[in-house]
N, C-alpha and C. Protein backbone atom coordinates (compact mmCIF):
# COMPACT_ATOMS: atom_id res chain seq x y z
N MET A 1 7.56 43.78 -7.80
CA MET A 1 7.43 43.25 -6.44
C MET A 1 8.39 42.09 -6.25
N LYS A 2 9.20 42.15 -5.20
CA LYS A 2 10.18 41.10 -4.97
C LYS A 2 9.50 39.84 -4.45
N LYS A 3 10.01 38.70 -4.91
CA LYS A 3 9.53 37.42 -4.41
C LYS A 3 10.23 37.10 -3.10
N ALA A 4 9.52 36.46 -2.21
CA ALA A 4 10.15 36.02 -0.96
C ALA A 4 11.20 34.96 -1.27
N ARG A 5 12.32 35.05 -0.57
CA ARG A 5 13.42 34.10 -0.81
C ARG A 5 13.54 33.17 0.38
N PHE A 6 13.49 31.88 0.07
CA PHE A 6 13.68 30.87 1.09
C PHE A 6 14.82 29.98 0.63
N LEU A 7 15.83 29.87 1.44
CA LEU A 7 17.01 29.13 1.04
C LEU A 7 17.11 27.81 1.80
N GLY A 8 17.25 26.72 1.04
CA GLY A 8 17.52 25.41 1.63
C GLY A 8 16.56 25.01 2.73
N ASN A 9 17.12 24.70 3.89
CA ASN A 9 16.33 24.16 4.98
C ASN A 9 15.35 25.15 5.59
N ASP A 10 15.55 26.46 5.36
CA ASP A 10 14.60 27.45 5.88
C ASP A 10 13.20 27.18 5.33
N TRP A 11 13.13 26.97 4.02
CA TRP A 11 11.83 26.70 3.38
C TRP A 11 11.27 25.37 3.86
N GLU A 12 12.11 24.35 3.95
CA GLU A 12 11.65 23.03 4.39
C GLU A 12 11.14 23.09 5.82
N THR A 13 11.81 23.84 6.67
CA THR A 13 11.39 23.95 8.06
C THR A 13 10.03 24.63 8.17
N ILE A 14 9.82 25.69 7.38
CA ILE A 14 8.53 26.37 7.38
C ILE A 14 7.43 25.41 6.95
N LYS A 15 7.68 24.64 5.92
CA LYS A 15 6.68 23.68 5.44
C LYS A 15 6.43 22.60 6.49
N LEU A 16 7.47 22.13 7.13
CA LEU A 16 7.33 21.10 8.15
C LEU A 16 6.46 21.58 9.29
N ASP A 17 6.74 22.78 9.78
CA ASP A 17 5.97 23.33 10.90
C ASP A 17 4.51 23.58 10.51
N THR A 18 4.28 23.85 9.23
CA THR A 18 2.93 24.16 8.77
C THR A 18 2.10 22.90 8.54
N VAL A 19 2.72 21.91 7.93
CA VAL A 19 2.00 20.72 7.49
C VAL A 19 1.93 19.63 8.55
N ILE A 20 3.03 19.43 9.27
CA ILE A 20 3.09 18.36 10.26
C ILE A 20 2.92 18.94 11.65
N LYS A 21 1.86 18.55 12.31
CA LYS A 21 1.52 19.11 13.61
C LYS A 21 2.16 18.30 14.74
N GLU A 22 2.06 18.84 15.94
CA GLU A 22 2.53 18.12 17.12
C GLU A 22 1.69 16.85 17.35
N PRO A 23 2.32 15.77 17.85
CA PRO A 23 3.75 15.65 18.16
C PRO A 23 4.56 15.40 16.89
N ILE A 24 5.46 16.32 16.58
CA ILE A 24 6.22 16.29 15.34
C ILE A 24 6.93 14.96 15.14
N MET A 25 7.68 14.50 16.14
CA MET A 25 8.49 13.29 15.97
C MET A 25 7.63 12.07 15.65
N GLU A 26 6.53 11.90 16.38
CA GLU A 26 5.68 10.74 16.16
C GLU A 26 5.03 10.79 14.78
N ASN A 27 4.60 11.98 14.37
CA ASN A 27 3.95 12.10 13.07
C ASN A 27 4.93 11.88 11.92
N VAL A 28 6.15 12.39 12.07
CA VAL A 28 7.16 12.18 11.03
C VAL A 28 7.49 10.69 10.92
N GLU A 29 7.59 10.02 12.07
CA GLU A 29 7.89 8.58 12.06
C GLU A 29 6.78 7.80 11.37
N MET A 30 5.53 8.16 11.65
CA MET A 30 4.40 7.48 11.02
C MET A 30 4.40 7.70 9.51
N LEU A 31 4.62 8.94 9.08
CA LEU A 31 4.68 9.24 7.66
C LEU A 31 5.82 8.48 6.99
N SER A 32 6.96 8.43 7.66
CA SER A 32 8.11 7.71 7.12
C SER A 32 7.79 6.23 6.92
N ASN A 33 7.13 5.64 7.92
CA ASN A 33 6.76 4.23 7.81
C ASN A 33 5.85 3.98 6.60
N HIS A 34 4.83 4.84 6.44
CA HIS A 34 3.89 4.67 5.34
C HIS A 34 4.55 4.90 4.00
N PHE A 35 5.27 6.01 3.87
CA PHE A 35 5.88 6.35 2.59
C PHE A 35 6.97 5.34 2.22
N ASN A 36 7.69 4.88 3.22
CA ASN A 36 8.78 3.94 2.97
C ASN A 36 8.29 2.64 2.35
N ARG A 37 7.12 2.19 2.79
CA ARG A 37 6.60 0.94 2.24
C ARG A 37 6.23 1.07 0.77
N TYR A 38 5.72 2.23 0.38
CA TYR A 38 5.45 2.45 -1.05
C TYR A 38 6.76 2.53 -1.83
N GLY A 39 7.78 3.12 -1.22
CA GLY A 39 9.09 3.15 -1.86
C GLY A 39 9.65 1.76 -2.06
N LYS A 40 9.44 0.90 -1.07
CA LYS A 40 9.90 -0.49 -1.19
C LYS A 40 9.12 -1.23 -2.27
N ALA A 41 7.84 -0.95 -2.38
CA ALA A 41 7.05 -1.57 -3.45
C ALA A 41 7.61 -1.20 -4.82
N ILE A 42 7.91 0.08 -4.99
CA ILE A 42 8.50 0.55 -6.26
C ILE A 42 9.81 -0.17 -6.53
N HIS A 43 10.63 -0.32 -5.48
CA HIS A 43 11.94 -0.96 -5.62
C HIS A 43 11.81 -2.45 -5.94
N TYR A 44 11.07 -3.18 -5.11
CA TYR A 44 11.02 -4.63 -5.27
C TYR A 44 10.27 -5.07 -6.52
N LEU A 45 9.30 -4.28 -6.96
CA LEU A 45 8.58 -4.62 -8.19
C LEU A 45 9.18 -3.97 -9.42
N ASP A 46 10.21 -3.15 -9.21
CA ASP A 46 10.87 -2.46 -10.32
C ASP A 46 9.83 -1.74 -11.19
N ILE A 47 9.02 -0.92 -10.54
CA ILE A 47 7.95 -0.20 -11.24
C ILE A 47 8.53 0.89 -12.13
N THR A 48 8.09 0.91 -13.38
CA THR A 48 8.55 1.89 -14.37
C THR A 48 7.35 2.52 -15.07
N ASP A 49 7.63 3.46 -15.96
CA ASP A 49 6.54 4.14 -16.67
C ASP A 49 5.88 3.26 -17.72
N ASN A 50 6.34 2.01 -17.84
CA ASN A 50 5.68 1.05 -18.73
C ASN A 50 4.58 0.27 -18.01
N ASP A 51 4.48 0.46 -16.69
CA ASP A 51 3.59 -0.37 -15.88
C ASP A 51 2.27 0.31 -15.55
N VAL A 52 1.20 -0.49 -15.59
CA VAL A 52 -0.09 -0.12 -15.01
C VAL A 52 -0.14 -0.83 -13.66
N VAL A 53 -0.30 -0.04 -12.58
CA VAL A 53 -0.20 -0.58 -11.23
C VAL A 53 -1.51 -0.35 -10.47
N ALA A 54 -1.99 -1.40 -9.80
CA ALA A 54 -3.16 -1.26 -8.92
C ALA A 54 -2.70 -1.05 -7.49
N ASP A 55 -3.29 -0.06 -6.82
CA ASP A 55 -3.01 0.21 -5.41
C ASP A 55 -4.24 -0.23 -4.63
N ALA A 56 -4.11 -1.38 -3.94
CA ALA A 56 -5.26 -1.99 -3.28
C ALA A 56 -4.92 -2.35 -1.83
N SER A 57 -5.40 -1.59 -0.87
CA SER A 57 -6.41 -0.54 -0.97
C SER A 57 -5.73 0.83 -0.95
N CYS A 58 -6.35 1.79 -1.62
CA CYS A 58 -5.70 3.08 -1.82
C CYS A 58 -6.00 4.11 -0.74
N GLY A 59 -7.04 3.86 0.10
CA GLY A 59 -7.39 4.86 1.10
C GLY A 59 -7.72 6.19 0.43
N GLU A 60 -7.11 7.26 0.93
CA GLU A 60 -7.40 8.59 0.39
C GLU A 60 -6.42 9.01 -0.71
N GLY A 61 -5.63 8.07 -1.19
CA GLY A 61 -4.92 8.28 -2.44
C GLY A 61 -3.47 8.69 -2.42
N TYR A 62 -2.88 8.99 -1.24
CA TYR A 62 -1.51 9.49 -1.26
C TYR A 62 -0.53 8.41 -1.74
N GLY A 63 -0.79 7.15 -1.41
CA GLY A 63 0.08 6.07 -1.88
C GLY A 63 0.00 5.90 -3.39
N SER A 64 -1.18 6.05 -3.93
CA SER A 64 -1.35 5.97 -5.39
C SER A 64 -0.54 7.07 -6.07
N PHE A 65 -0.54 8.24 -5.45
CA PHE A 65 0.26 9.35 -5.99
C PHE A 65 1.75 9.01 -5.96
N ILE A 66 2.22 8.45 -4.86
CA ILE A 66 3.63 8.07 -4.77
C ILE A 66 3.98 7.06 -5.87
N LEU A 67 3.12 6.07 -6.07
CA LEU A 67 3.37 5.08 -7.12
C LEU A 67 3.39 5.72 -8.50
N SER A 68 2.55 6.74 -8.69
CA SER A 68 2.45 7.39 -10.01
C SER A 68 3.71 8.16 -10.39
N LEU A 69 4.56 8.45 -9.40
CA LEU A 69 5.81 9.14 -9.71
C LEU A 69 6.75 8.26 -10.55
N LYS A 70 6.50 6.94 -10.52
CA LYS A 70 7.31 6.00 -11.30
C LYS A 70 6.49 5.24 -12.34
N ALA A 71 5.24 4.92 -12.01
CA ALA A 71 4.41 4.10 -12.89
C ALA A 71 3.85 4.90 -14.05
N GLY A 72 3.46 4.18 -15.10
CA GLY A 72 2.82 4.84 -16.22
C GLY A 72 1.38 5.23 -15.90
N GLN A 73 0.70 4.34 -15.16
CA GLN A 73 -0.68 4.60 -14.74
C GLN A 73 -0.94 3.86 -13.44
N VAL A 74 -1.75 4.46 -12.58
CA VAL A 74 -2.09 3.84 -11.30
C VAL A 74 -3.60 3.78 -11.14
N ILE A 75 -4.08 2.62 -10.72
CA ILE A 75 -5.49 2.42 -10.45
C ILE A 75 -5.65 2.21 -8.95
N GLY A 76 -6.27 3.17 -8.26
CA GLY A 76 -6.50 3.05 -6.83
C GLY A 76 -7.83 2.36 -6.57
N LEU A 77 -7.82 1.34 -5.72
CA LEU A 77 -9.03 0.58 -5.40
C LEU A 77 -9.31 0.65 -3.90
N ASP A 78 -10.58 0.82 -3.53
CA ASP A 78 -10.91 0.82 -2.11
C ASP A 78 -12.38 0.47 -1.94
N VAL A 79 -12.72 -0.08 -0.77
CA VAL A 79 -14.10 -0.43 -0.45
C VAL A 79 -14.87 0.78 0.07
N ASN A 80 -14.16 1.81 0.55
CA ASN A 80 -14.78 2.97 1.16
C ASN A 80 -15.04 4.05 0.10
N LYS A 81 -16.30 4.32 -0.18
CA LYS A 81 -16.64 5.27 -1.23
C LYS A 81 -16.24 6.71 -0.88
N GLU A 82 -16.25 7.04 0.41
CA GLU A 82 -15.84 8.38 0.82
C GLU A 82 -14.34 8.57 0.59
N TYR A 83 -13.56 7.53 0.85
CA TYR A 83 -12.13 7.59 0.55
C TYR A 83 -11.90 7.81 -0.94
N ILE A 84 -12.67 7.10 -1.75
CA ILE A 84 -12.53 7.23 -3.21
C ILE A 84 -12.81 8.67 -3.64
N LYS A 85 -13.83 9.29 -3.08
CA LYS A 85 -14.16 10.68 -3.42
C LYS A 85 -13.02 11.61 -3.04
N THR A 86 -12.47 11.42 -1.85
CA THR A 86 -11.36 12.27 -1.40
C THR A 86 -10.14 12.05 -2.28
N ALA A 87 -9.85 10.80 -2.59
CA ALA A 87 -8.70 10.49 -3.44
C ALA A 87 -8.84 11.15 -4.81
N GLU A 88 -10.02 11.07 -5.39
CA GLU A 88 -10.25 11.70 -6.70
C GLU A 88 -10.06 13.20 -6.63
N LYS A 89 -10.53 13.80 -5.54
CA LYS A 89 -10.45 15.24 -5.38
C LYS A 89 -9.00 15.71 -5.34
N TYR A 90 -8.18 15.03 -4.57
CA TYR A 90 -6.82 15.51 -4.34
C TYR A 90 -5.77 14.90 -5.28
N PHE A 91 -6.00 13.69 -5.76
CA PHE A 91 -4.95 13.01 -6.51
C PHE A 91 -5.36 12.52 -7.89
N GLY A 92 -6.63 12.64 -8.24
CA GLY A 92 -7.07 12.19 -9.56
C GLY A 92 -6.37 12.98 -10.67
N SER A 93 -5.93 12.28 -11.69
CA SER A 93 -5.23 12.93 -12.80
C SER A 93 -5.30 12.03 -14.02
N GLU A 94 -4.60 12.43 -15.08
CA GLU A 94 -4.58 11.62 -16.29
C GLU A 94 -3.78 10.33 -16.08
N LYS A 95 -3.07 10.25 -14.96
CA LYS A 95 -2.29 9.04 -14.64
C LYS A 95 -2.88 8.22 -13.51
N ILE A 96 -3.79 8.80 -12.73
CA ILE A 96 -4.31 8.13 -11.54
C ILE A 96 -5.84 8.12 -11.56
N TYR A 97 -6.40 6.92 -11.45
CA TYR A 97 -7.85 6.75 -11.44
C TYR A 97 -8.25 5.93 -10.22
N PHE A 98 -9.44 6.21 -9.71
CA PHE A 98 -9.89 5.54 -8.48
C PHE A 98 -11.24 4.85 -8.70
N TYR A 99 -11.36 3.64 -8.15
CA TYR A 99 -12.56 2.84 -8.29
C TYR A 99 -12.84 2.08 -6.99
N GLY A 100 -14.10 1.68 -6.81
CA GLY A 100 -14.42 0.75 -5.75
C GLY A 100 -14.03 -0.65 -6.19
N TYR A 101 -13.79 -1.52 -5.23
CA TYR A 101 -13.52 -2.92 -5.59
C TYR A 101 -14.69 -3.46 -6.39
N GLY A 102 -14.38 -4.18 -7.46
CA GLY A 102 -15.41 -4.75 -8.31
C GLY A 102 -15.83 -3.85 -9.45
N GLU A 103 -15.42 -2.58 -9.43
CA GLU A 103 -15.79 -1.64 -10.49
C GLU A 103 -14.74 -1.56 -11.59
N PHE A 104 -13.59 -2.17 -11.35
CA PHE A 104 -12.50 -2.13 -12.33
C PHE A 104 -12.15 -3.56 -12.71
N ASN A 105 -12.13 -3.87 -14.00
CA ASN A 105 -11.87 -5.25 -14.42
C ASN A 105 -10.87 -5.36 -15.56
N THR A 106 -10.06 -4.32 -15.76
CA THR A 106 -9.01 -4.36 -16.77
C THR A 106 -7.74 -4.91 -16.14
N LEU A 107 -6.95 -5.64 -16.92
CA LEU A 107 -5.73 -6.24 -16.39
C LEU A 107 -4.66 -5.19 -16.11
N VAL A 108 -3.92 -5.41 -15.02
CA VAL A 108 -2.79 -4.55 -14.67
C VAL A 108 -1.52 -5.37 -14.65
N ASP A 109 -0.38 -4.67 -14.66
CA ASP A 109 0.92 -5.35 -14.66
C ASP A 109 1.40 -5.71 -13.26
N LYS A 110 1.02 -4.87 -12.28
CA LYS A 110 1.51 -5.07 -10.92
C LYS A 110 0.46 -4.61 -9.91
N ILE A 111 0.46 -5.28 -8.77
CA ILE A 111 -0.46 -4.92 -7.68
C ILE A 111 0.36 -4.60 -6.43
N VAL A 112 0.01 -3.49 -5.79
CA VAL A 112 0.60 -3.12 -4.51
C VAL A 112 -0.52 -3.17 -3.47
N CYS A 113 -0.31 -3.94 -2.41
CA CYS A 113 -1.34 -4.14 -1.39
C CYS A 113 -0.70 -3.91 -0.02
N ILE A 114 -0.78 -2.68 0.46
CA ILE A 114 -0.08 -2.28 1.68
C ILE A 114 -1.07 -2.06 2.82
N GLU A 115 -0.84 -2.76 3.93
CA GLU A 115 -1.64 -2.62 5.14
C GLU A 115 -3.14 -2.73 4.85
N THR A 116 -3.50 -3.77 4.13
CA THR A 116 -4.90 -4.03 3.78
C THR A 116 -5.36 -5.40 4.25
N PHE A 117 -4.51 -6.40 4.07
CA PHE A 117 -4.89 -7.79 4.31
C PHE A 117 -5.35 -8.04 5.74
N GLU A 118 -4.78 -7.30 6.70
CA GLU A 118 -5.16 -7.50 8.10
C GLU A 118 -6.58 -7.00 8.42
N HIS A 119 -7.17 -6.26 7.47
CA HIS A 119 -8.53 -5.76 7.68
C HIS A 119 -9.58 -6.69 7.06
N VAL A 120 -9.10 -7.78 6.46
CA VAL A 120 -10.00 -8.77 5.85
C VAL A 120 -10.28 -9.87 6.88
N PRO A 121 -11.55 -10.21 7.13
CA PRO A 121 -11.85 -11.29 8.08
C PRO A 121 -11.15 -12.59 7.69
N ILE A 122 -10.80 -13.37 8.68
CA ILE A 122 -10.03 -14.60 8.47
C ILE A 122 -10.68 -15.52 7.45
N ASN A 123 -11.99 -15.67 7.52
CA ASN A 123 -12.66 -16.60 6.62
C ASN A 123 -12.87 -16.05 5.21
N GLU A 124 -12.41 -14.81 4.97
CA GLU A 124 -12.55 -14.20 3.63
C GLU A 124 -11.21 -13.94 2.96
N MET A 125 -10.11 -14.33 3.61
CA MET A 125 -8.77 -14.03 3.07
C MET A 125 -8.56 -14.63 1.69
N ALA A 126 -8.81 -15.91 1.56
CA ALA A 126 -8.55 -16.60 0.29
C ALA A 126 -9.40 -16.02 -0.84
N GLU A 127 -10.66 -15.73 -0.53
CA GLU A 127 -11.56 -15.14 -1.53
C GLU A 127 -11.08 -13.76 -1.96
N PHE A 128 -10.62 -12.96 -0.99
CA PHE A 128 -10.11 -11.62 -1.30
C PHE A 128 -8.94 -11.71 -2.27
N VAL A 129 -7.99 -12.61 -1.99
CA VAL A 129 -6.82 -12.76 -2.85
C VAL A 129 -7.22 -13.24 -4.24
N THR A 130 -8.09 -14.22 -4.31
CA THR A 130 -8.52 -14.77 -5.60
C THR A 130 -9.17 -13.69 -6.46
N LYS A 131 -10.05 -12.89 -5.85
CA LYS A 131 -10.72 -11.83 -6.62
C LYS A 131 -9.73 -10.75 -7.04
N LEU A 132 -8.82 -10.38 -6.14
CA LEU A 132 -7.85 -9.34 -6.47
C LEU A 132 -6.96 -9.76 -7.63
N LEU A 133 -6.56 -11.02 -7.63
CA LEU A 133 -5.64 -11.50 -8.67
C LEU A 133 -6.30 -11.68 -10.03
N THR A 134 -7.63 -11.55 -10.11
CA THR A 134 -8.27 -11.64 -11.42
C THR A 134 -7.89 -10.47 -12.32
N ILE A 135 -7.40 -9.37 -11.73
CA ILE A 135 -7.01 -8.22 -12.56
C ILE A 135 -5.51 -8.20 -12.85
N LEU A 136 -4.76 -9.18 -12.35
CA LEU A 136 -3.32 -9.21 -12.59
C LEU A 136 -3.01 -10.11 -13.78
N ARG A 137 -2.35 -9.54 -14.75
CA ARG A 137 -2.05 -10.31 -15.96
C ARG A 137 -1.10 -11.47 -15.68
N THR A 138 -1.10 -12.46 -16.54
CA THR A 138 -0.15 -13.56 -16.45
C THR A 138 1.27 -13.01 -16.55
N GLY A 139 2.13 -13.43 -15.64
CA GLY A 139 3.49 -12.91 -15.62
C GLY A 139 3.66 -11.67 -14.77
N GLY A 140 2.55 -11.15 -14.25
CA GLY A 140 2.60 -9.94 -13.42
C GLY A 140 3.11 -10.21 -12.02
N SER A 141 3.31 -9.12 -11.25
CA SER A 141 3.90 -9.22 -9.92
C SER A 141 3.05 -8.50 -8.89
N MET A 142 3.28 -8.85 -7.62
CA MET A 142 2.52 -8.24 -6.53
C MET A 142 3.42 -8.01 -5.32
N PHE A 143 3.18 -6.90 -4.63
CA PHE A 143 3.89 -6.57 -3.39
C PHE A 143 2.85 -6.36 -2.30
N MET A 144 3.04 -7.03 -1.17
CA MET A 144 2.09 -6.90 -0.07
C MET A 144 2.84 -6.73 1.24
N THR A 145 2.29 -5.91 2.14
CA THR A 145 2.79 -5.87 3.51
C THR A 145 1.63 -6.20 4.44
N VAL A 146 1.95 -6.93 5.51
CA VAL A 146 0.92 -7.32 6.47
C VAL A 146 1.56 -7.60 7.82
N PRO A 147 0.96 -7.13 8.93
CA PRO A 147 1.47 -7.48 10.25
C PRO A 147 1.33 -8.98 10.48
N LEU A 148 2.32 -9.58 11.11
CA LEU A 148 2.29 -11.02 11.37
C LEU A 148 1.68 -11.30 12.74
N GLY A 149 1.05 -12.45 12.85
CA GLY A 149 0.45 -12.84 14.12
C GLY A 149 0.17 -14.32 14.17
N ASN A 150 -0.86 -14.68 14.92
CA ASN A 150 -1.21 -16.08 15.15
C ASN A 150 -2.54 -16.44 14.51
N ASN A 151 -2.84 -15.86 13.37
CA ASN A 151 -4.06 -16.17 12.61
C ASN A 151 -5.33 -15.86 13.39
N LYS A 152 -5.31 -14.72 14.06
CA LYS A 152 -6.49 -14.28 14.80
C LYS A 152 -6.46 -12.75 14.88
N PRO A 153 -7.54 -12.14 15.34
CA PRO A 153 -7.57 -10.67 15.43
C PRO A 153 -6.46 -10.13 16.33
N SER A 154 -6.07 -8.88 16.07
CA SER A 154 -5.00 -8.24 16.81
C SER A 154 -5.37 -8.03 18.27
N SER A 155 -4.36 -8.09 19.13
CA SER A 155 -4.56 -7.82 20.55
C SER A 155 -4.37 -6.34 20.88
N TYR A 156 -3.89 -5.55 19.91
CA TYR A 156 -3.57 -4.15 20.18
C TYR A 156 -4.26 -3.17 19.23
N ASN A 157 -4.87 -3.69 18.16
CA ASN A 157 -5.53 -2.81 17.19
C ASN A 157 -6.87 -3.43 16.79
N LYS A 158 -7.95 -2.80 17.21
CA LYS A 158 -9.28 -3.36 16.99
C LYS A 158 -9.67 -3.42 15.51
N PHE A 159 -8.96 -2.67 14.67
CA PHE A 159 -9.27 -2.67 13.24
C PHE A 159 -8.59 -3.82 12.50
N HIS A 160 -7.65 -4.49 13.14
CA HIS A 160 -6.99 -5.64 12.52
C HIS A 160 -7.80 -6.89 12.82
N LEU A 161 -8.57 -7.32 11.85
CA LEU A 161 -9.45 -8.47 12.04
C LEU A 161 -8.69 -9.78 11.93
N ASN A 162 -7.46 -9.71 11.45
CA ASN A 162 -6.72 -10.92 11.17
C ASN A 162 -5.25 -10.58 11.02
N GLU A 163 -4.39 -11.23 11.78
CA GLU A 163 -2.95 -11.09 11.61
C GLU A 163 -2.39 -12.48 11.33
N PRO A 164 -2.15 -12.79 10.05
CA PRO A 164 -1.80 -14.16 9.66
C PRO A 164 -0.35 -14.53 9.95
N SER A 165 -0.09 -15.81 9.95
CA SER A 165 1.26 -16.33 10.07
C SER A 165 1.86 -16.51 8.69
N ILE A 166 3.17 -16.70 8.64
CA ILE A 166 3.84 -16.96 7.36
C ILE A 166 3.28 -18.22 6.71
N THR A 167 3.01 -19.25 7.52
CA THR A 167 2.49 -20.51 7.00
C THR A 167 1.18 -20.31 6.26
N VAL A 168 0.28 -19.50 6.84
CA VAL A 168 -1.02 -19.24 6.21
C VAL A 168 -0.84 -18.40 4.94
N LEU A 169 0.02 -17.39 5.00
CA LEU A 169 0.27 -16.57 3.82
C LEU A 169 0.80 -17.42 2.67
N HIS A 170 1.74 -18.30 2.99
CA HIS A 170 2.31 -19.17 1.94
C HIS A 170 1.23 -20.05 1.33
N ALA A 171 0.36 -20.60 2.17
CA ALA A 171 -0.70 -21.49 1.68
C ALA A 171 -1.67 -20.74 0.77
N ILE A 172 -2.00 -19.49 1.12
CA ILE A 172 -2.95 -18.72 0.33
C ILE A 172 -2.40 -18.38 -1.06
N PHE A 173 -1.11 -18.05 -1.12
CA PHE A 173 -0.54 -17.62 -2.41
C PHE A 173 0.10 -18.77 -3.19
N ASP A 174 0.19 -19.93 -2.58
CA ASP A 174 0.77 -21.09 -3.27
C ASP A 174 -0.08 -21.44 -4.49
N GLY A 175 0.59 -21.59 -5.62
CA GLY A 175 -0.11 -21.91 -6.85
C GLY A 175 -0.45 -20.71 -7.72
N PHE A 176 -0.27 -19.50 -7.18
CA PHE A 176 -0.57 -18.29 -7.95
C PHE A 176 0.67 -17.69 -8.60
N PHE A 177 1.85 -17.85 -7.97
CA PHE A 177 3.07 -17.20 -8.45
C PHE A 177 4.22 -18.19 -8.55
N LYS A 178 5.09 -17.94 -9.51
CA LYS A 178 6.26 -18.80 -9.70
C LYS A 178 7.32 -18.52 -8.63
N LYS A 179 7.47 -17.22 -8.27
CA LYS A 179 8.48 -16.83 -7.29
C LYS A 179 7.83 -16.11 -6.11
N LYS A 180 8.21 -16.52 -4.88
CA LYS A 180 7.65 -15.91 -3.68
C LYS A 180 8.77 -15.66 -2.68
N ASP A 181 8.93 -14.40 -2.29
CA ASP A 181 9.91 -14.05 -1.26
C ASP A 181 9.19 -13.41 -0.09
N TYR A 182 9.59 -13.79 1.12
CA TYR A 182 8.99 -13.26 2.35
C TYR A 182 10.09 -12.55 3.13
N ILE A 183 9.91 -11.24 3.32
CA ILE A 183 10.92 -10.43 4.00
C ILE A 183 10.32 -9.96 5.33
N ILE A 184 10.93 -10.37 6.44
CA ILE A 184 10.42 -10.03 7.76
C ILE A 184 11.15 -8.80 8.30
N ASP A 185 10.39 -7.87 8.87
CA ASP A 185 10.99 -6.65 9.42
C ASP A 185 10.12 -6.18 10.58
N LYS A 186 10.54 -5.10 11.24
CA LYS A 186 9.76 -4.49 12.31
C LYS A 186 9.61 -3.00 12.06
N TYR A 187 8.51 -2.44 12.51
CA TYR A 187 8.30 -1.00 12.43
C TYR A 187 7.37 -0.57 13.55
N THR A 188 7.32 0.73 13.80
CA THR A 188 6.41 1.27 14.80
C THR A 188 5.14 1.71 14.10
N ASP A 189 3.99 1.12 14.49
CA ASP A 189 2.75 1.43 13.79
C ASP A 189 2.14 2.75 14.29
N SER A 190 0.98 3.11 13.73
CA SER A 190 0.36 4.39 14.05
C SER A 190 -0.17 4.45 15.49
N GLU A 191 -0.24 3.30 16.16
CA GLU A 191 -0.65 3.27 17.56
C GLU A 191 0.54 3.31 18.51
N GLY A 192 1.76 3.32 17.93
CA GLY A 192 2.97 3.37 18.75
C GLY A 192 3.54 2.02 19.14
N TYR A 193 2.97 0.94 18.60
CA TYR A 193 3.47 -0.39 18.91
C TYR A 193 4.55 -0.82 17.91
N GLU A 194 5.58 -1.50 18.42
CA GLU A 194 6.56 -2.09 17.51
C GLU A 194 6.00 -3.41 17.01
N VAL A 195 5.86 -3.51 15.70
CA VAL A 195 5.15 -4.63 15.10
C VAL A 195 6.05 -5.40 14.15
N GLU A 196 5.98 -6.72 14.22
CA GLU A 196 6.67 -7.56 13.23
C GLU A 196 5.74 -7.71 12.03
N TYR A 197 6.26 -7.48 10.86
CA TYR A 197 5.42 -7.60 9.68
C TYR A 197 6.19 -8.25 8.55
N CYS A 198 5.45 -8.63 7.53
CA CYS A 198 6.04 -9.33 6.39
C CYS A 198 5.82 -8.53 5.11
N MET A 199 6.87 -8.43 4.31
CA MET A 199 6.75 -7.93 2.95
C MET A 199 6.78 -9.14 2.02
N LEU A 200 5.72 -9.33 1.26
CA LEU A 200 5.66 -10.42 0.29
C LEU A 200 5.99 -9.85 -1.09
N VAL A 201 6.98 -10.41 -1.73
CA VAL A 201 7.32 -10.04 -3.10
C VAL A 201 6.99 -11.24 -3.98
N LEU A 202 5.92 -11.12 -4.73
CA LEU A 202 5.37 -12.24 -5.49
C LEU A 202 5.50 -11.93 -6.98
N LYS A 203 6.22 -12.80 -7.68
CA LYS A 203 6.52 -12.51 -9.09
C LYS A 203 6.13 -13.65 -10.02
N GLU A 204 5.83 -13.27 -11.25
CA GLU A 204 5.47 -14.18 -12.33
C GLU A 204 4.18 -14.92 -12.05
N ARG A 205 3.09 -14.17 -12.13
CA ARG A 205 1.75 -14.73 -11.97
C ARG A 205 1.54 -15.87 -12.95
N LEU A 206 1.08 -17.00 -12.43
CA LEU A 206 0.87 -18.19 -13.25
C LEU A 206 -0.45 -18.13 -14.01
């Protein structure tokens, strides 16, 4: 029996039409935004197969999988138990493990925290960071992305309980890392808004 032959873009187009639904352009842009940030985390933290990396928060696990393509091991953390179940079902492997926050207490080399901090209430930000950093070894690094704002809930996204300023971010992480870089950029979020956000590259945990 002959195998079906798909050459080059023909196969990719079939997969695109099957997996990504209308509106194609908006969905591709959203996926690009999400995947690109994990790619930047890999780049800025120089993640290699020698690293154990925590993905906090991991959601349903696709970001943890992307990190696992370079990392030696990935630990996905999330507060949502249903997300953890889904992540385990689709992405759990000998390289990727999923836990609820507080269920994992082994040290990791690097932490990736993408689009999570804005979901933490303003009065719990410092506590969240302190607890998260208890699993990062001395000398370890962290990559975070967060929409920037005026230290109050978002005006356009009800799920963003807090959009901090650079000044507040600097104050929260001051004293934890030897090197801190803040990279400002813009992207179109899942609601279609153009948002200014910050990538924090934090190195050499004290």
